[in-house]
Amino acid sequence: MEIIRNLFEGFPDLWGGGVAHSVMILAFVITIGLALGKIKIANVSLGLMWVLFTGLIFGYFNFNLDPHLLHFLKEFG
């Protein structure tokens, strides 16, 4: 159970969150955003915009990502 808790909270004492923590948070944001994007209200759906909104919500609750992984993803993308 402690491993799952540490994946959500990160390992700031060891390596500042780590790559596994960052990839898991990105996967949750994308999965939740895509799932919410399927919802239609009055025949209107926000689609991929939910990924942005979900990312903003995760950022508000201070789910930080590894800066080296972010730099790699920016250059890779």
Protein backbone atom coordinates (compact mmCIF):
# COMPACT_ATOMS: atom_id res chain seq x y z
CA MET A 1 0.00 0.00 0.00
CA GLU A 2 2.91 2.33 0.70
CA ILE A 3 4.20 1.92 -2.86
CA ILE A 4 0.84 3.03 -4.30
CA ARG A 5 0.73 6.01 -1.92
CA ASN A 6 4.27 6.97 -2.91
CA LEU A 7 3.38 6.78 -6.62
CA PHE A 8 0.66 9.38 -6.01
CA GLU A 9 2.71 11.59 -3.71
CA GLY A 10 6.14 11.03 -5.23
CA PHE A 11 9.46 10.41 -3.55
CA PRO A 12 10.71 13.94 -2.81
CA ASP A 13 13.34 12.64 -0.38
CA LEU A 14 14.92 10.40 -3.00
CA TRP A 15 14.63 11.89 -6.50
CA GLY A 16 11.92 14.55 -6.60
CA GLY A 17 9.01 12.48 -7.85
CA GLY A 18 10.71 10.13 -10.26
CA VAL A 19 9.86 9.03 -13.75
CA ALA A 20 7.35 6.35 -12.71
CA HIS A 21 5.42 8.94 -10.71
CA SER A 22 5.39 11.38 -13.63
CA VAL A 23 4.32 8.79 -16.20
CA MET A 24 1.54 7.56 -13.91
CA ILE A 25 0.21 11.09 -13.38
CA LEU A 26 0.32 11.80 -17.13
CA ALA A 27 -1.51 8.52 -17.82
CA PHE A 28 -4.21 9.37 -15.26
CA VAL A 29 -4.67 12.86 -16.69
CA ILE A 30 -4.99 11.57 -20.25
CA THR A 31 -7.27 8.67 -19.27
CA ILE A 32 -9.62 10.77 -17.16
CA GLY A 33 -9.65 13.54 -19.76
CA LEU A 34 -10.51 11.18 -22.61
CA ALA A 35 -13.20 9.47 -20.54
CA LEU A 36 -14.81 12.81 -19.70
CA GLY A 37 -14.51 13.85 -23.33
CA LYS A 38 -16.97 11.12 -24.32
CA ILE A 39 -19.74 12.74 -22.27
CA LYS A 40 -22.23 14.75 -24.30
CA ILE A 41 -24.55 17.35 -22.80
CA ALA A 42 -27.25 18.69 -25.12
CA ASN A 43 -25.45 17.00 -28.04
CA VAL A 44 -22.25 19.00 -27.31
CA SER A 45 -18.97 17.46 -26.18
CA LEU A 46 -15.73 19.21 -25.23
CA GLY A 47 -13.68 16.22 -26.42
CA LEU A 48 -9.93 16.64 -25.91
CA MET A 49 -10.39 19.88 -23.97
CA TRP A 50 -11.13 17.71 -20.93
CA VAL A 51 -7.50 16.56 -20.96
CA LEU A 52 -6.45 20.20 -20.51
CA PHE A 53 -9.03 20.77 -17.76
CA THR A 54 -7.99 17.58 -15.98
CA GLY A 55 -4.33 18.62 -16.18
CA LEU A 56 -5.21 21.98 -14.65
CA ILE A 57 -7.05 20.26 -11.81
CA PHE A 58 -4.13 17.91 -11.14
CA GLY A 59 -1.77 20.90 -11.21
CA TYR A 60 -3.96 22.74 -8.72
CA PHE A 61 -3.61 19.84 -6.29
CA ASN A 62 0.19 20.02 -6.74
CA PHE A 63 0.86 16.78 -8.60
CA ASN A 64 4.35 17.68 -9.79
CA LEU A 65 6.19 15.95 -12.59
CA ASP A 66 9.88 15.23 -13.01
CA PRO A 67 11.49 18.24 -14.77
CA HIS A 68 13.85 16.02 -16.79
CA LEU A 69 10.93 13.96 -18.10
CA LEU A 70 9.02 17.13 -18.99
CA HIS A 71 12.01 18.45 -20.92
CA PHE A 72 12.34 15.12 -22.76
CA LEU A 73 8.63 15.07 -23.65
CA LYS A 74 8.75 18.66 -24.92
CA GLU A 75 11.73 17.88 -27.15
CA PHE A 76 10.32 14.53 -28.25
CA GLY A 77 6.90 15.95 -29.11
